[in-house]
Amino acid sequence: MNDEVNGGCKRLGRFDVDFARRTITRISDGAFIKASRSETLIFTLLAEAANNTIYREVLLAECWQGKIVTNNSLTVAIKNLRTAFTKIGEHKIITTEPKLGYCIRQTALIDDGSHPPKNNVVSNEDKNIHVINETQPIVNLEKKENLIHQELDDVTVKKTRSRNIKLLDIIIGLAFFFTTLIICYRFLFFVDTTSVEGLPVIYNGIDLPKPVQNAILQNDNSSISQWYAFPMSKGCNYYQLFSISNGHFVDFSSTVKQEICSVK
């Protein structure tokens, strides 16, 4: 994993892996996913050994390098990779080998043309305008009348387009307003995403205390898809810890070994 250590890039079949940015990009159209350090290493190891099964023990040792993790950490990481790849239309990247480990087939790394680059498409209206510009009308009375009617139609079309443009401006303005509102909300409340031994956690941007990390690792199971950890108030070491398990919030705050915080 020298490329990962040096923060370099590596091309694996039809994908480029950027270890510094922790992204996996499909070369054909530029679609990419964001992954954690361990998830990036898992994909790289499986892709380098395409068609071969990599045992769970090997993945745990190579992709968490020196850290003590459980089999559940690998299960969550594989789930995160599959979910991220599905969002860009890749549904069969990683294959599970029951009771052994995981594998990436060589065929999954070969470009089959199912994700072509996006090209600019010329509309039929643009083609018609091009033909009209190239065809010079013969100057006679009948065609002059036709031109007059055409100009009147063009005026009507322009007015309709003007109304559509004004409506589009309103829609763009509203979209910009709500986007700004979301960004301000995120900035004011310092909501960010981190991971604890490969487990995704939503938190307030401040390093999580060790008791909170321990509680996450001790209580994690395959049904949990997301963790949330936030302090009760500013300057308070007492954290609220929740998880999403099978679509429901579960409160794990009582499992965190820490001082009790009195909130005013």
C-alpha atoms as a PDB file:
ATOM      1  CA  MET A   1       0.000   0.000   0.000  1.00  0.00           C
ATOM      2  CA  ASN A   2       2.855   2.387  -0.795  1.00  0.00           C
ATOM      3  CA  ASP A   3       0.518   4.578  -2.853  1.00  0.00           C
ATOM      4  CA  GLU A   4      -1.753   5.009   0.162  1.00  0.00           C
ATOM      5  CA  VAL A   5       1.170   5.935   2.396  1.00  0.00           C
ATOM      6  CA  ASN A   6       2.466   8.469  -0.093  1.00  0.00           C
ATOM      7  CA  GLY A   7      -1.005   9.906  -0.765  1.00  0.00           C
ATOM      8  CA  GLY A   8      -0.806   8.938  -4.457  1.00  0.00           C
ATOM      9  CA  CYS A   9      -3.256   7.621  -7.046  1.00  0.00           C
ATOM     10  CA  LYS A  10      -3.699   4.228  -8.629  1.00  0.00           C
ATOM     11  CA  ARG A  11      -5.668   3.054 -11.686  1.00  0.00           C
ATOM     12  CA  LEU A  12      -7.506  -0.234 -11.153  1.00  0.00           C
ATOM     13  CA  GLY A  13      -9.356  -1.327 -14.272  1.00  0.00           C
ATOM     14  CA  ARG A  14     -11.952   1.351 -15.061  1.00  0.00           C
ATOM     15  CA  PHE A  15     -11.508   3.142 -11.737  1.00  0.00           C
ATOM     16  CA  ASP A  16      -8.978   5.646 -10.377  1.00  0.00           C
ATOM     17  CA  VAL A  17      -8.263   5.526  -6.635  1.00  0.00           C
ATOM     18  CA  ASP A  18      -7.034   8.775  -5.019  1.00  0.00           C
ATOM     19  CA  PHE A  19      -5.625   7.891  -1.599  1.00  0.00           C
ATOM     20  CA  ALA A  20      -5.130  11.531  -0.548  1.00  0.00           C
ATOM     21  CA  ARG A  21      -8.731  12.559  -1.271  1.00  0.00           C
ATOM     22  CA  ARG A  22     -10.072   9.056  -0.537  1.00  0.00           C
ATOM     23  CA  THR A  23     -12.141   8.939  -3.691  1.00  0.00           C
ATOM     24  CA  ILE A  24     -12.829   6.151  -6.193  1.00  0.00           C
ATOM     25  CA  THR A  25     -13.633   7.611  -9.637  1.00  0.00           C
ATOM     26  CA  ARG A  26     -15.172   5.866 -12.665  1.00  0.00           C
ATOM     27  CA  ILE A  27     -12.934   6.908 -15.567  1.00  0.00           C
ATOM     28  CA  SER A  28     -15.583   6.826 -18.319  1.00  0.00           C
ATOM     29  CA  ASP A  29     -17.847   9.582 -16.974  1.00  0.00           C
ATOM     30  CA  GLY A  30     -16.079  10.990 -13.903  1.00  0.00           C
ATOM     31  CA  ALA A  31     -18.660   9.699 -11.381  1.00  0.00           C
ATOM     32  CA  PHE A  32     -16.999   9.081  -8.016  1.00  0.00           C
ATOM     33  CA  ILE A  33     -17.622   8.000  -4.434  1.00  0.00           C
ATOM     34  CA  LYS A  34     -16.119   9.217  -1.152  1.00  0.00           C
ATOM     35  CA  ALA A  35     -14.813   6.543   1.205  1.00  0.00           C
ATOM     36  CA  SER A  36     -13.016   6.244   4.522  1.00  0.00           C
ATOM     37  CA  ARG A  37      -9.338   5.261   4.642  1.00  0.00           C
ATOM     38  CA  SER A  38     -10.192   1.640   5.493  1.00  0.00           C
ATOM     39  CA  GLU A  39     -12.868   1.443   2.773  1.00  0.00           C
ATOM     40  CA  THR A  40     -10.445   2.806   0.167  1.00  0.00           C
ATOM     41  CA  LEU A  41      -7.859   0.183   1.138  1.00  0.00           C
ATOM     42  CA  ILE A  42     -10.481  -2.606   1.007  1.00  0.00           C
ATOM     43  CA  PHE A  43     -11.467  -1.695  -2.568  1.00  0.00           C
ATOM     44  CA  THR A  44      -7.818  -1.442  -3.636  1.00  0.00           C
ATOM     45  CA  LEU A  45      -6.859  -4.796  -2.121  1.00  0.00           C
ATOM     46  CA  LEU A  46      -9.848  -6.580  -3.689  1.00  0.00           C
ATOM     47  CA  ALA A  47      -9.336  -4.937  -7.108  1.00  0.00           C
ATOM     48  CA  GLU A  48      -5.606  -5.740  -7.184  1.00  0.00           C
ATOM     49  CA  ALA A  49      -6.438  -9.400  -6.536  1.00  0.00           C
ATOM     50  CA  ALA A  50      -9.416  -9.526  -8.921  1.00  0.00           C
ATOM     51  CA  ASN A  51     -11.118 -12.955  -9.216  1.00  0.00           C
ATOM     52  CA  ASN A  52      -9.445 -14.084  -5.968  1.00  0.00           C
ATOM     53  CA  THR A  53     -11.182 -14.316  -2.604  1.00  0.00           C
ATOM     54  CA  ILE A  54      -9.541 -12.227   0.119  1.00  0.00           C
ATOM     55  CA  TYR A  55     -10.196 -13.660   3.570  1.00  0.00           C
ATOM     56  CA  ARG A  56     -11.844 -11.488   6.212  1.00  0.00           C
ATOM     57  CA  GLU A  57      -8.817 -11.878   8.485  1.00  0.00           C
ATOM     58  CA  VAL A  58      -6.505 -10.526   5.770  1.00  0.00           C
ATOM     59  CA  LEU A  59      -8.745  -7.521   5.106  1.00  0.00           C
ATOM     60  CA  LEU A  60      -8.966  -6.702   8.828  1.00  0.00           C
ATOM     61  CA  ALA A  61      -5.181  -6.892   9.198  1.00  0.00           C
ATOM     62  CA  GLU A  62      -4.284  -4.981   6.012  1.00  0.00           C
ATOM     63  CA  CYS A  63      -6.976  -2.292   5.936  1.00  0.00           C
ATOM     64  CA  TRP A  64      -6.954  -1.234   9.589  1.00  0.00           C
ATOM     65  CA  GLN A  65      -3.154  -1.682   9.981  1.00  0.00           C
ATOM     66  CA  GLY A  66      -2.377  -2.115  13.655  1.00  0.00           C
ATOM     67  CA  LYS A  67      -5.809  -1.182  14.992  1.00  0.00           C
ATOM     68  CA  ILE A  68      -7.863  -3.679  16.956  1.00  0.00           C
ATOM     69  CA  VAL A  69     -11.227  -4.048  15.202  1.00  0.00           C
ATOM     70  CA  THR A  70     -14.005  -6.612  15.050  1.00  0.00           C
ATOM     71  CA  ASN A  71     -15.553  -8.519  12.163  1.00  0.00           C
ATOM     72  CA  ASN A  72     -18.463  -6.113  12.398  1.00  0.00           C
ATOM     73  CA  SER A  73     -16.184  -3.226  11.380  1.00  0.00           C
ATOM     74  CA  LEU A  74     -15.444  -5.026   8.105  1.00  0.00           C
ATOM     75  CA  THR A  75     -19.142  -5.789   7.577  1.00  0.00           C
ATOM     76  CA  VAL A  76     -20.038  -2.102   7.990  1.00  0.00           C
ATOM     77  CA  ALA A  77     -17.207  -0.985   5.664  1.00  0.00           C
ATOM     78  CA  ILE A  78     -18.331  -3.401   2.915  1.00  0.00           C
ATOM     79  CA  LYS A  79     -21.917  -2.199   3.347  1.00  0.00           C
ATOM     80  CA  ASN A  80     -20.815   1.452   3.038  1.00  0.00           C
ATOM     81  CA  LEU A  81     -18.859   0.696  -0.165  1.00  0.00           C
ATOM     82  CA  ARG A  82     -21.785  -1.136  -1.750  1.00  0.00           C
ATOM     83  CA  THR A  83     -24.213   1.653  -0.840  1.00  0.00           C
ATOM     84  CA  ALA A  84     -21.891   4.334  -2.265  1.00  0.00           C
ATOM     85  CA  PHE A  85     -21.290   2.413  -5.516  1.00  0.00           C
ATOM     86  CA  THR A  86     -25.035   1.797  -5.937  1.00  0.00           C
ATOM     87  CA  LYS A  87     -25.616   5.566  -5.944  1.00  0.00           C
ATOM     88  CA  ILE A  88     -23.487   5.875  -9.124  1.00  0.00           C
ATOM     89  CA  GLY A  89     -25.133   2.864 -10.794  1.00  0.00           C
ATOM     90  CA  GLU A  90     -22.607   0.185  -9.801  1.00  0.00           C
ATOM     91  CA  HIS A  91     -24.663  -2.612  -8.235  1.00  0.00           C
ATOM     92  CA  LYS A  92     -22.379  -5.663  -8.358  1.00  0.00           C
ATOM     93  CA  ILE A  93     -18.890  -4.454  -7.512  1.00  0.00           C
ATOM     94  CA  ILE A  94     -18.133  -6.587  -4.437  1.00  0.00           C
ATOM     95  CA  THR A  95     -19.063 -10.289  -4.216  1.00  0.00           C
ATOM     96  CA  THR A  96     -19.433 -12.075  -0.874  1.00  0.00           C
ATOM     97  CA  GLU A  97     -17.806 -15.484  -0.551  1.00  0.00           C
ATOM     98  CA  PRO A  98     -19.804 -17.121   2.304  1.00  0.00           C
ATOM     99  CA  LYS A  99     -17.766 -17.918   5.435  1.00  0.00           C
ATOM    100  CA  LEU A 100     -14.555 -16.887   3.650  1.00  0.00           C
ATOM    101  CA  GLY A 101     -14.345 -13.231   2.647  1.00  0.00           C
ATOM    102  CA  TYR A 102     -14.942 -10.987  -0.354  1.00  0.00           C
ATOM    103  CA  CYS A 103     -13.971 -10.735  -4.027  1.00  0.00           C
ATOM    104  CA  ILE A 104     -14.136  -8.331  -6.977  1.00  0.00           C
ATOM    105  CA  ARG A 105     -14.600 -10.067 -10.341  1.00  0.00           C
ATOM    106  CA  GLN A 106     -12.351  -9.015 -13.204  1.00  0.00           C
ATOM    107  CA  THR A 107     -15.452  -8.355 -15.312  1.00  0.00           C
ATOM    108  CA  ALA A 108     -16.546  -5.671 -12.829  1.00  0.00           C
ATOM    109  CA  LEU A 109     -13.338  -3.762 -13.582  1.00  0.00           C
ATOM    110  CA  ILE A 110     -13.738  -3.860 -17.383  1.00  0.00           C
ATOM    111  CA  ASP A 111     -15.523  -0.956 -19.114  1.00  0.00           C
ATOM    112  CA  ASP A 112     -18.569  -2.407 -20.891  1.00  0.00           C
ATOM    113  CA  GLY A 113     -19.748   0.943 -22.236  1.00  0.00           C
ATOM    114  CA  SER A 114     -22.732   1.141 -19.870  1.00  0.00           C
ATOM    115  CA  HIS A 115     -21.552   4.495 -18.481  1.00  0.00           C
ATOM    116  CA  PRO A 116     -20.525   6.637 -21.509  1.00  0.00           C
ATOM    117  CA  PRO A 117     -19.270  10.206 -21.095  1.00  0.00           C
ATOM    118  CA  LYS A 118     -21.937  12.881 -21.121  1.00  0.00           C
ATOM    119  CA  ASN A 119     -22.037  14.735 -24.470  1.00  0.00           C
ATOM    120  CA  ASN A 120     -23.855  17.922 -25.412  1.00  0.00           C
ATOM    121  CA  VAL A 121     -26.975  17.047 -27.423  1.00  0.00           C
ATOM    122  CA  VAL A 122     -28.222  19.464 -30.080  1.00  0.00           C
ATOM    123  CA  SER A 123     -31.993  19.926 -29.734  1.00  0.00           C
ATOM    124  CA  ASN A 124     -34.398  19.655 -32.677  1.00  0.00           C
ATOM    125  CA  GLU A 125     -35.184  23.356 -32.262  1.00  0.00           C
ATOM    126  CA  ASP A 126     -31.512  24.269 -32.686  1.00  0.00           C
ATOM    127  CA  LYS A 127     -31.326  22.067 -35.796  1.00  0.00           C
ATOM    128  CA  ASN A 128     -34.384  23.790 -37.297  1.00  0.00           C
ATOM    129  CA  ILE A 129     -32.877  27.232 -36.651  1.00  0.00           C
ATOM    130  CA  HIS A 130     -29.649  26.100 -38.319  1.00  0.00           C
ATOM    131  CA  VAL A 131     -31.562  24.919 -41.403  1.00  0.00           C
ATOM    132  CA  ILE A 132     -33.529  28.194 -41.606  1.00  0.00           C
ATOM    133  CA  ASN A 133     -30.308  30.242 -41.442  1.00  0.00           C
ATOM    134  CA  GLU A 134     -28.745  28.206 -44.247  1.00  0.00           C
ATOM    135  CA  THR A 135     -31.789  28.353 -46.525  1.00  0.00           C
ATOM    136  CA  GLN A 136     -32.189  31.757 -48.194  1.00  0.00           C
ATOM    137  CA  PRO A 137     -35.836  32.393 -49.193  1.00  0.00           C
ATOM    138  CA  ILE A 138     -36.693  33.438 -52.712  1.00  0.00           C
ATOM    139  CA  VAL A 139     -37.961  37.032 -52.724  1.00  0.00           C
ATOM    140  CA  ASN A 140     -41.535  36.971 -54.013  1.00  0.00           C
ATOM    141  CA  LEU A 141     -44.880  38.064 -52.679  1.00  0.00           C
ATOM    142  CA  GLU A 142     -46.043  34.698 -51.422  1.00  0.00           C
ATOM    143  CA  LYS A 143     -42.837  33.976 -49.519  1.00  0.00           C
ATOM    144  CA  LYS A 144     -42.746  37.477 -48.110  1.00  0.00           C
ATOM    145  CA  GLU A 145     -46.137  36.809 -46.570  1.00  0.00           C
ATOM    146  CA  ASN A 146     -44.854  33.541 -45.177  1.00  0.00           C
ATOM    147  CA  LEU A 147     -41.885  35.378 -43.675  1.00  0.00           C
ATOM    148  CA  ILE A 148     -44.195  37.905 -42.040  1.00  0.00           C
ATOM    149  CA  HIS A 149     -46.221  35.100 -40.469  1.00  0.00           C
ATOM    150  CA  GLN A 150     -43.013  33.432 -39.368  1.00  0.00           C
ATOM    151  CA  GLU A 151     -41.804  36.647 -37.733  1.00  0.00           C
ATOM    152  CA  LEU A 152     -45.097  36.982 -35.890  1.00  0.00           C
ATOM    153  CA  ASP A 153     -44.759  33.419 -34.672  1.00  0.00           C
ATOM    154  CA  ASP A 154     -41.198  34.154 -33.596  1.00  0.00           C
ATOM    155  CA  VAL A 155     -42.389  37.157 -31.565  1.00  0.00           C
ATOM    156  CA  THR A 156     -44.947  34.939 -29.824  1.00  0.00           C
ATOM    157  CA  VAL A 157     -42.286  32.321 -29.115  1.00  0.00           C
ATOM    158  CA  LYS A 158     -39.922  34.969 -27.736  1.00  0.00           C
ATOM    159  CA  LYS A 159     -42.613  36.291 -25.404  1.00  0.00           C
ATOM    160  CA  THR A 160     -43.307  32.766 -24.187  1.00  0.00           C
ATOM    161  CA  ARG A 161     -39.583  32.184 -23.647  1.00  0.00           C
ATOM    162  CA  SER A 162     -39.313  35.471 -21.776  1.00  0.00           C
ATOM    163  CA  ARG A 163     -42.043  34.334 -19.365  1.00  0.00           C
ATOM    164  CA  ASN A 164     -40.305  30.965 -18.960  1.00  0.00           C
ATOM    165  CA  ILE A 165     -36.964  32.683 -18.261  1.00  0.00           C
ATOM    166  CA  LYS A 166     -38.551  34.852 -15.566  1.00  0.00           C
ATOM    167  CA  LEU A 167     -40.071  31.755 -13.955  1.00  0.00           C
ATOM    168  CA  LEU A 168     -36.696  29.992 -14.182  1.00  0.00           C
ATOM    169  CA  ASP A 169     -35.011  32.989 -12.505  1.00  0.00           C
ATOM    170  CA  ILE A 170     -37.489  32.739  -9.627  1.00  0.00           C
ATOM    171  CA  ILE A 171     -36.852  29.003  -9.252  1.00  0.00           C
ATOM    172  CA  ILE A 172     -33.068  29.523  -9.310  1.00  0.00           C
ATOM    173  CA  GLY A 173     -33.388  32.301  -6.725  1.00  0.00           C
ATOM    174  CA  LEU A 174     -35.393  30.071  -4.400  1.00  0.00           C
ATOM    175  CA  ALA A 175     -32.928  27.205  -4.846  1.00  0.00           C
ATOM    176  CA  PHE A 176     -30.023  29.537  -4.033  1.00  0.00           C
ATOM    177  CA  PHE A 177     -31.856  30.818  -0.936  1.00  0.00           C
ATOM    178  CA  PHE A 178     -32.522  27.342   0.452  1.00  0.00           C
ATOM    179  CA  THR A 179     -28.982  26.189  -0.376  1.00  0.00           C
ATOM    180  CA  THR A 180     -27.580  29.185   1.522  1.00  0.00           C
ATOM    181  CA  LEU A 181     -29.913  28.428   4.425  1.00  0.00           C
ATOM    182  CA  ILE A 182     -28.702  24.818   4.596  1.00  0.00           C
ATOM    183  CA  ILE A 183     -25.043  25.905   4.464  1.00  0.00           C
ATOM    184  CA  CYS A 184     -25.613  28.455   7.250  1.00  0.00           C
ATOM    185  CA  TYR A 185     -27.348  25.815   9.358  1.00  0.00           C
ATOM    186  CA  ARG A 186     -24.447  23.427   8.885  1.00  0.00           C
ATOM    187  CA  PHE A 187     -21.914  26.160   9.721  1.00  0.00           C
ATOM    188  CA  LEU A 188     -23.739  27.391  12.848  1.00  0.00           C
ATOM    189  CA  PHE A 189     -24.247  23.949  14.330  1.00  0.00           C
ATOM    190  CA  PHE A 190     -20.900  22.462  13.259  1.00  0.00           C
ATOM    191  CA  VAL A 191     -22.490  19.215  12.021  1.00  0.00           C
ATOM    192  CA  ASP A 192     -19.872  16.947  10.497  1.00  0.00           C
ATOM    193  CA  THR A 193     -19.176  13.290   9.779  1.00  0.00           C
ATOM    194  CA  THR A 194     -16.339  11.173  11.172  1.00  0.00           C
ATOM    195  CA  SER A 195     -15.728   7.483  11.748  1.00  0.00           C
ATOM    196  CA  VAL A 196     -14.759   5.399  14.748  1.00  0.00           C
ATOM    197  CA  GLU A 197     -12.795   2.381  13.585  1.00  0.00           C
ATOM    198  CA  GLY A 198     -14.650   2.565  10.259  1.00  0.00           C
ATOM    199  CA  LEU A 199     -18.093   3.171  11.781  1.00  0.00           C
ATOM    200  CA  PRO A 200     -19.829   6.346  10.437  1.00  0.00           C
ATOM    201  CA  VAL A 201     -20.651   8.922  13.152  1.00  0.00           C
ATOM    202  CA  ILE A 202     -22.458  12.288  12.874  1.00  0.00           C
ATOM    203  CA  TYR A 203     -20.954  14.685  15.440  1.00  0.00           C
ATOM    204  CA  ASN A 204     -20.332  18.398  16.151  1.00  0.00           C
ATOM    205  CA  GLY A 205     -16.801  18.606  14.761  1.00  0.00           C
ATOM    206  CA  ILE A 206     -15.022  18.270  18.130  1.00  0.00           C
ATOM    207  CA  ASP A 207     -12.955  15.127  18.774  1.00  0.00           C
ATOM    208  CA  LEU A 208     -15.125  12.506  20.438  1.00  0.00           C
ATOM    209  CA  PRO A 209     -14.083  11.556  24.016  1.00  0.00           C
ATOM    210  CA  LYS A 210     -12.706   8.066  24.512  1.00  0.00           C
ATOM    211  CA  PRO A 211     -15.760   6.886  26.536  1.00  0.00           C
ATOM    212  CA  VAL A 212     -18.022   7.788  23.602  1.00  0.00           C
ATOM    213  CA  GLN A 213     -15.798   5.928  21.127  1.00  0.00           C
ATOM    214  CA  ASN A 214     -15.699   2.877  23.417  1.00  0.00           C
ATOM    215  CA  ALA A 215     -19.503   2.897  23.750  1.00  0.00           C
ATOM    216  CA  ILE A 216     -19.877   2.975  19.953  1.00  0.00           C
ATOM    217  CA  LEU A 217     -17.492   0.049  19.446  1.00  0.00           C
ATOM    218  CA  GLN A 218     -19.033  -2.021  22.259  1.00  0.00           C
ATOM    219  CA  ASN A 219     -22.647  -1.541  21.164  1.00  0.00           C
ATOM    220  CA  ASP A 220     -22.262  -1.656  17.378  1.00  0.00           C
ATOM    221  CA  ASN A 221     -23.988  -4.438  15.448  1.00  0.00           C
ATOM    222  CA  SER A 222     -24.929  -5.182  11.866  1.00  0.00           C
ATOM    223  CA  SER A 223     -28.403  -3.618  12.191  1.00  0.00           C
ATOM    224  CA  ILE A 224     -26.954  -0.159  12.975  1.00  0.00           C
ATOM    225  CA  SER A 225     -26.467   2.043   9.916  1.00  0.00           C
ATOM    226  CA  GLN A 226     -25.489   5.374  11.533  1.00  0.00           C
ATOM    227  CA  TRP A 227     -24.321   6.802  14.880  1.00  0.00           C
ATOM    228  CA  TYR A 228     -25.020  10.292  16.309  1.00  0.00           C
ATOM    229  CA  ALA A 229     -22.948  11.796  19.155  1.00  0.00           C
ATOM    230  CA  PHE A 230     -23.442  15.344  20.534  1.00  0.00           C
ATOM    231  CA  PRO A 231     -22.608  17.062  23.859  1.00  0.00           C
ATOM    232  CA  MET A 232     -25.505  18.251  25.990  1.00  0.00           C
ATOM    233  CA  SER A 233     -24.244  21.883  25.968  1.00  0.00           C
ATOM    234  CA  LYS A 234     -21.118  24.019  25.463  1.00  0.00           C
ATOM    235  CA  GLY A 235     -18.308  23.051  27.843  1.00  0.00           C
ATOM    236  CA  CYS A 236     -20.146  19.897  28.917  1.00  0.00           C
ATOM    237  CA  ASN A 237     -18.466  16.472  28.729  1.00  0.00           C
ATOM    238  CA  TYR A 238     -21.717  14.534  28.930  1.00  0.00           C
ATOM    239  CA  TYR A 239     -22.615  13.195  25.480  1.00  0.00           C
ATOM    240  CA  GLN A 240     -25.877  12.007  24.021  1.00  0.00           C
ATOM    241  CA  LEU A 241     -25.301   8.887  21.918  1.00  0.00           C
ATOM    242  CA  PHE A 242     -27.908   7.585  19.477  1.00  0.00           C
ATOM    243  CA  SER A 243     -27.941   5.107  16.613  1.00  0.00           C
ATOM    244  CA  ILE A 244     -30.230   4.328  13.711  1.00  0.00           C
ATOM    245  CA  SER A 245     -31.116   0.638  13.856  1.00  0.00           C
ATOM    246  CA  ASN A 246     -33.552  -0.770  11.304  1.00  0.00           C
ATOM    247  CA  GLY A 247     -34.922   2.735  10.670  1.00  0.00           C
ATOM    248  CA  HIS A 248     -35.420   3.605  14.361  1.00  0.00           C
ATOM    249  CA  PHE A 249     -33.461   5.824  16.778  1.00  0.00           C
ATOM    250  CA  VAL A 250     -31.974   3.946  19.746  1.00  0.00           C
ATOM    251  CA  ASP A 251     -30.583   5.844  22.779  1.00  0.00           C
ATOM    252  CA  PHE A 252     -27.195   4.535  23.978  1.00  0.00           C
ATOM    253  CA  SER A 253     -26.355   7.539  26.193  1.00  0.00           C
ATOM    254  CA  SER A 254     -26.555   5.445  29.355  1.00  0.00           C
ATOM    255  CA  THR A 255     -23.782   3.147  28.098  1.00  0.00           C
ATOM    256  CA  VAL A 256     -21.235   5.986  27.948  1.00  0.00           C
ATOM    257  CA  LYS A 257     -19.017   5.944  31.052  1.00  0.00           C
ATOM    258  CA  GLN A 258     -18.498   9.619  31.841  1.00  0.00           C
ATOM    259  CA  GLU A 259     -19.227  12.338  34.369  1.00  0.00           C
ATOM    260  CA  ILE A 260     -22.814  13.466  34.791  1.00  0.00           C
ATOM    261  CA  CYS A 261     -23.432  16.922  33.348  1.00  0.00           C
ATOM    262  CA  SER A 262     -25.987  19.248  34.870  1.00  0.00           C
ATOM    263  CA  VAL A 263     -27.696  21.181  32.071  1.00  0.00           C
ATOM    264  CA  LYS A 264     -29.246  24.572  32.887  1.00  0.00           C
END
